[in-house]
């Protein structure tokens, strides 16, 4: 699924199902933090929650610069499928650029009582204490690609 199609689906979800709050959102935040920590691919893991329904959970992580963007996509996609997506409906999309992978995802949790959305940004880490160099934003704009995500499960 293209990123724009995912965003339209997420908008429909937001119009029909309330956002997770309180204990439900905290449980989802902890689940995300644990999943990122135990997979072994990420370092400098930061996970938080927001009031923004587009990204109730946000996370910034780094990955070893020797990993390819495809390795990171594969890791995040497996984590989404196995650890983060609830049994009902879920959708996700990736934005992949040079040394950066972003996952935007949403799922219906708690027996369709609420939804959880998340935005994970993974950037290449450091080698020998020197940050990985990012190309200029102009160069990135011409090389950015979007990996197709999927819609899983049945509709709400």
Protein backbone atom coordinates (compact mmCIF):
# COMPACT_ATOMS: atom_id res chain seq x y z
CA UNK A 1 0.00 0.00 0.00
CA UNK A 2 1.24 3.46 -0.81
CA UNK A 3 1.78 5.84 2.08
CA UNK A 4 -1.13 8.05 0.97
CA UNK A 5 -3.49 5.06 0.84
CA UNK A 6 -2.39 4.06 4.35
CA UNK A 7 -3.03 7.61 5.60
CA UNK A 8 -6.54 7.55 4.13
CA UNK A 9 -7.29 4.24 5.84
CA UNK A 10 -5.93 5.58 9.11
CA UNK A 11 -8.20 8.62 8.76
CA UNK A 12 -11.23 6.35 8.32
CA UNK A 13 -10.18 4.36 11.35
CA UNK A 14 -9.86 7.54 13.42
CA UNK A 15 -13.36 8.62 12.38
CA UNK A 16 -14.92 5.33 13.53
CA UNK A 17 -12.92 4.04 16.50
CA UNK A 18 -11.69 6.06 19.49
CA UNK A 19 -7.97 6.41 20.17
CA UNK A 20 -6.37 4.41 22.95
CA UNK A 21 -5.78 6.41 26.14
CA UNK A 22 -4.56 5.84 29.68
CA UNK A 23 -3.68 2.27 30.60
CA UNK A 24 -4.36 0.90 27.11
CA UNK A 25 -1.97 3.38 25.50
CA UNK A 26 0.67 2.79 28.19
CA UNK A 27 0.42 -0.98 27.66
CA UNK A 28 0.93 -0.49 23.91
CA UNK A 29 3.90 1.82 24.59
CA UNK A 30 5.53 -0.77 26.83
CA UNK A 31 4.90 -3.50 24.26
CA UNK A 32 6.62 -1.37 21.59
CA UNK A 33 9.57 -0.60 23.87
CA UNK A 34 10.08 -4.27 24.73
CA UNK A 35 9.75 -5.42 21.11
CA UNK A 36 12.34 -2.88 19.93
CA UNK A 37 14.69 -3.83 22.76
CA UNK A 38 14.57 -7.61 22.45
CA UNK A 39 14.89 -7.86 18.67
CA UNK A 40 18.59 -6.98 18.91
CA UNK A 41 18.69 -4.80 15.80
CA UNK A 42 18.27 -1.40 17.45
CA UNK A 43 20.16 0.82 19.86
CA UNK A 44 19.42 4.20 21.47
CA UNK A 45 15.74 3.32 21.72
CA UNK A 46 13.36 6.13 22.64
CA UNK A 47 9.64 5.44 22.89
CA UNK A 48 6.93 7.88 23.89
CA UNK A 49 3.26 8.61 23.53
CA UNK A 50 1.47 11.67 22.19
CA UNK A 51 -2.05 13.07 21.86
CA UNK A 52 -1.71 13.08 18.05
CA UNK A 53 -4.06 10.40 16.65
CA UNK A 54 -1.78 9.97 13.62
CA UNK A 55 1.01 8.79 15.91
CA UNK A 56 -0.15 7.91 19.38
CA UNK A 57 3.17 6.13 19.85
CA UNK A 58 6.44 7.53 18.56
CA UNK A 59 9.86 5.97 18.58
CA UNK A 60 13.34 6.97 17.48
CA UNK A 61 15.96 4.21 17.22
CA UNK A 62 19.34 3.71 15.62
CA UNK A 63 20.55 0.65 13.78
CA UNK A 64 24.06 -0.49 12.91
CA UNK A 65 25.16 1.31 9.73
CA UNK A 66 26.26 -1.98 8.17
CA UNK A 67 22.63 -3.12 8.03
CA UNK A 68 20.83 -2.31 4.82
CA UNK A 69 17.56 -0.41 4.80
CA UNK A 70 15.92 -3.63 3.57
CA UNK A 71 17.24 -5.47 6.67
CA UNK A 72 15.62 -2.80 8.85
CA UNK A 73 12.34 -2.97 6.91
CA UNK A 74 12.30 -6.76 7.27
CA UNK A 75 12.98 -6.52 11.02
CA UNK A 76 10.28 -3.89 11.59
CA UNK A 77 7.77 -5.75 9.42
CA UNK A 78 8.29 -8.98 11.37
CA UNK A 79 8.04 -7.08 14.66
CA UNK A 80 4.79 -5.46 13.48
CA UNK A 81 3.32 -8.79 12.42
CA UNK A 82 4.48 -10.82 15.44
CA UNK A 83 4.53 -8.37 18.37
CA UNK A 84 2.71 -5.09 17.71
CA UNK A 85 -0.30 -5.65 15.48
CA UNK A 86 -3.41 -6.86 17.27
CA UNK A 87 -5.46 -9.77 15.96
CA UNK A 88 -8.16 -7.71 14.21
CA UNK A 89 -7.47 -5.02 11.65
CA UNK A 90 -4.08 -3.47 10.98
CA UNK A 91 -2.32 -1.52 8.26
CA UNK A 92 1.19 -0.22 7.78
CA UNK A 93 3.45 1.52 5.30
CA UNK A 94 7.16 2.26 5.07
CA UNK A 95 9.09 5.30 3.93
CA UNK A 96 12.65 4.30 3.03
CA UNK A 97 15.45 6.74 2.37
CA UNK A 98 19.23 6.53 2.46
CA UNK A 99 20.14 5.44 6.04
CA UNK A 100 16.62 5.97 7.35
CA UNK A 101 13.51 3.80 7.56
CA UNK A 102 10.13 4.97 8.86
CA UNK A 103 7.20 2.74 9.75
CA UNK A 104 3.72 4.19 10.09
CA UNK A 105 1.19 1.70 11.40
CA UNK A 106 -2.23 1.45 13.01
CA UNK A 107 -4.19 -1.39 14.55
CA UNK A 108 -7.49 -1.86 16.32
CA UNK A 109 -6.94 -3.09 19.87
CA UNK A 110 -9.04 -4.27 22.75
CA UNK A 111 -11.84 -6.00 20.84
CA UNK A 112 -12.35 -2.97 18.53
CA UNK A 113 -12.74 -0.65 21.51
CA UNK A 114 -9.84 1.61 20.48
CA UNK A 115 -7.03 2.05 17.96
CA UNK A 116 -3.30 2.50 18.38
CA UNK A 117 -1.21 4.28 15.76
CA UNK A 118 2.57 4.47 15.73
CA UNK A 119 5.45 6.10 13.91
CA UNK A 120 8.90 4.53 14.23
CA UNK A 121 11.94 6.31 12.78
CA UNK A 122 15.10 4.20 12.49
CA UNK A 123 18.34 5.88 11.43
CA UNK A 124 21.80 4.49 10.82
CA UNK A 125 23.91 4.68 13.97
CA UNK A 126 27.54 5.48 14.53
CA UNK A 127 30.80 3.72 13.67
CA UNK A 128 33.71 4.28 16.02
CA UNK A 129 31.89 7.11 17.78
CA UNK A 130 31.49 9.17 14.60
CA UNK A 131 27.88 9.72 13.48
CA UNK A 132 26.93 8.31 10.11
CA UNK A 133 26.86 11.15 7.57
CA UNK A 134 23.53 11.91 5.96
CA UNK A 135 23.41 13.32 2.45
CA UNK A 136 21.93 16.73 1.86
CA UNK A 137 18.11 16.96 1.97
CA UNK A 138 18.06 17.88 -1.71
CA UNK A 139 19.88 14.68 -2.63
CA UNK A 140 17.54 12.66 -0.42
CA UNK A 141 14.41 14.14 -1.98
CA UNK A 142 15.34 12.70 -5.36
CA UNK A 143 16.19 9.24 -3.96
CA UNK A 144 13.40 8.65 -1.42
CA UNK A 145 11.26 5.59 -2.01
CA UNK A 146 8.15 4.24 -0.38
CA UNK A 147 7.89 0.51 0.26
CA UNK A 148 4.41 -0.80 -0.10
CA UNK A 149 2.76 -1.80 3.14
CA UNK A 150 -0.23 -4.03 3.55
CA UNK A 151 -3.69 -4.02 5.01
CA UNK A 152 -4.18 -7.05 7.21
CA UNK A 153 -7.19 -8.64 8.84
CA UNK A 154 -10.77 -7.73 8.37
CA UNK A 155 -12.30 -4.29 8.38
CA UNK A 156 -13.70 -2.72 11.53
